[in-house]
């Protein structure tokens, strides 16, 4: 985020478009795999948003867009 601000002068919009899934039965999921899913799908967007919101509030403007995908529902079994 800071690199974008330094390069462009400001950031007005953040789009979160990252996600990961586990395609295994729950009894096969390892704690480290679950940690990775939580980091990518939850923690990453929160950490980035925290940085941006400070600047958005200061400037009086900013937008955050969170995307989700149903692609995992189309996965062949």
C-alpha atoms as a PDB file:
ATOM      1  CA  UNK A   1       0.000   0.000   0.000  1.00  0.00           C
ATOM      2  CA  UNK A   2       2.694   2.495   0.983  1.00  0.00           C
ATOM      3  CA  UNK A   3       4.586   1.789  -2.254  1.00  0.00           C
ATOM      4  CA  UNK A   4       1.436   2.646  -4.232  1.00  0.00           C
ATOM      5  CA  UNK A   5       0.986   5.888  -2.287  1.00  0.00           C
ATOM      6  CA  UNK A   6       4.620   6.840  -2.878  1.00  0.00           C
ATOM      7  CA  UNK A   7       4.355   6.086  -6.599  1.00  0.00           C
ATOM      8  CA  UNK A   8       0.915   7.576  -7.350  1.00  0.00           C
ATOM      9  CA  UNK A   9       0.625  10.188  -4.597  1.00  0.00           C
ATOM     10  CA  UNK A  10      -2.555   8.719  -3.132  1.00  0.00           C
ATOM     11  CA  UNK A  11      -4.858   5.703  -3.274  1.00  0.00           C
ATOM     12  CA  UNK A  12      -8.610   6.215  -3.643  1.00  0.00           C
ATOM     13  CA  UNK A  13      -9.792   2.621  -4.070  1.00  0.00           C
ATOM     14  CA  UNK A  14      -8.668  -0.780  -2.862  1.00  0.00           C
ATOM     15  CA  UNK A  15      -9.989  -3.940  -4.512  1.00  0.00           C
ATOM     16  CA  UNK A  16      -9.494  -7.204  -2.627  1.00  0.00           C
ATOM     17  CA  UNK A  17      -9.473 -10.020  -5.148  1.00  0.00           C
ATOM     18  CA  UNK A  18      -7.558 -12.834  -3.528  1.00  0.00           C
ATOM     19  CA  UNK A  19      -8.768 -16.064  -2.080  1.00  0.00           C
ATOM     20  CA  UNK A  20      -7.902 -19.663  -1.538  1.00  0.00           C
ATOM     21  CA  UNK A  21      -9.824 -22.824  -0.793  1.00  0.00           C
ATOM     22  CA  UNK A  22      -9.154 -26.257   0.590  1.00  0.00           C
ATOM     23  CA  UNK A  23     -10.564 -29.074  -1.508  1.00  0.00           C
ATOM     24  CA  UNK A  24     -10.249 -31.804   1.079  1.00  0.00           C
ATOM     25  CA  UNK A  25     -12.585 -33.390   3.598  1.00  0.00           C
ATOM     26  CA  UNK A  26     -12.443 -31.614   6.958  1.00  0.00           C
ATOM     27  CA  UNK A  27     -10.785 -34.610   8.610  1.00  0.00           C
ATOM     28  CA  UNK A  28      -7.785 -34.273   6.242  1.00  0.00           C
ATOM     29  CA  UNK A  29      -7.178 -30.556   6.798  1.00  0.00           C
ATOM     30  CA  UNK A  30      -3.986 -29.744   8.661  1.00  0.00           C
ATOM     31  CA  UNK A  31      -3.818 -26.722  10.995  1.00  0.00           C
ATOM     32  CA  UNK A  32      -1.176 -25.101   8.779  1.00  0.00           C
ATOM     33  CA  UNK A  33      -3.501 -25.390   5.762  1.00  0.00           C
ATOM     34  CA  UNK A  34      -6.344 -23.776   7.674  1.00  0.00           C
ATOM     35  CA  UNK A  35      -4.002 -21.011   8.869  1.00  0.00           C
ATOM     36  CA  UNK A  36      -3.103 -20.248   5.236  1.00  0.00           C
ATOM     37  CA  UNK A  37      -6.773 -19.975   4.255  1.00  0.00           C
ATOM     38  CA  UNK A  38      -7.494 -17.615   7.163  1.00  0.00           C
ATOM     39  CA  UNK A  39      -4.448 -15.463   6.335  1.00  0.00           C
ATOM     40  CA  UNK A  40      -5.370 -15.106   2.662  1.00  0.00           C
ATOM     41  CA  UNK A  41      -9.159 -14.799   2.968  1.00  0.00           C
ATOM     42  CA  UNK A  42      -9.505 -12.830   6.193  1.00  0.00           C
ATOM     43  CA  UNK A  43      -6.308 -11.390   7.665  1.00  0.00           C
ATOM     44  CA  UNK A  44      -4.819 -10.063   4.413  1.00  0.00           C
ATOM     45  CA  UNK A  45      -7.815  -7.904   3.486  1.00  0.00           C
ATOM     46  CA  UNK A  46      -8.130  -6.630   7.065  1.00  0.00           C
ATOM     47  CA  UNK A  47      -4.460  -5.622   7.323  1.00  0.00           C
ATOM     48  CA  UNK A  48      -4.520  -3.813   3.975  1.00  0.00           C
ATOM     49  CA  UNK A  49      -7.801  -2.083   4.802  1.00  0.00           C
ATOM     50  CA  UNK A  50      -6.413  -0.837   8.113  1.00  0.00           C
ATOM     51  CA  UNK A  51      -3.638   0.981   6.260  1.00  0.00           C
ATOM     52  CA  UNK A  52      -5.975   2.498   3.687  1.00  0.00           C
ATOM     53  CA  UNK A  53      -8.756   3.569   6.059  1.00  0.00           C
ATOM     54  CA  UNK A  54      -6.433   5.919   7.924  1.00  0.00           C
ATOM     55  CA  UNK A  55      -5.708   7.794   4.693  1.00  0.00           C
ATOM     56  CA  UNK A  56      -9.321   7.587   3.504  1.00  0.00           C
ATOM     57  CA  UNK A  57     -10.580   9.194   6.703  1.00  0.00           C
ATOM     58  CA  UNK A  58      -7.934  11.908   6.536  1.00  0.00           C
ATOM     59  CA  UNK A  59      -8.776  12.765   2.918  1.00  0.00           C
ATOM     60  CA  UNK A  60     -12.534  12.406   3.376  1.00  0.00           C
ATOM     61  CA  UNK A  61     -12.780   9.894   0.534  1.00  0.00           C
ATOM     62  CA  UNK A  62     -12.001   6.282  -0.271  1.00  0.00           C
ATOM     63  CA  UNK A  63     -13.601   3.034  -1.308  1.00  0.00           C
ATOM     64  CA  UNK A  64     -12.886  -0.586  -0.468  1.00  0.00           C
ATOM     65  CA  UNK A  65     -14.262  -3.362  -2.651  1.00  0.00           C
ATOM     66  CA  UNK A  66     -14.200  -6.966  -1.482  1.00  0.00           C
ATOM     67  CA  UNK A  67     -14.777  -9.658  -4.106  1.00  0.00           C
ATOM     68  CA  UNK A  68     -15.835 -13.224  -3.615  1.00  0.00           C
ATOM     69  CA  UNK A  69     -15.981 -16.057  -6.095  1.00  0.00           C
ATOM     70  CA  UNK A  70     -18.171 -19.061  -6.547  1.00  0.00           C
ATOM     71  CA  UNK A  71     -15.527 -20.720  -8.743  1.00  0.00           C
ATOM     72  CA  UNK A  72     -14.822 -23.370  -6.132  1.00  0.00           C
ATOM     73  CA  UNK A  73     -18.421 -24.539  -6.468  1.00  0.00           C
ATOM     74  CA  UNK A  74     -17.740 -25.378 -10.128  1.00  0.00           C
ATOM     75  CA  UNK A  75     -14.740 -27.588  -9.383  1.00  0.00           C
ATOM     76  CA  UNK A  76     -15.038 -31.073 -10.769  1.00  0.00           C
ATOM     77  CA  UNK A  77     -15.213 -33.716  -8.049  1.00  0.00           C
END
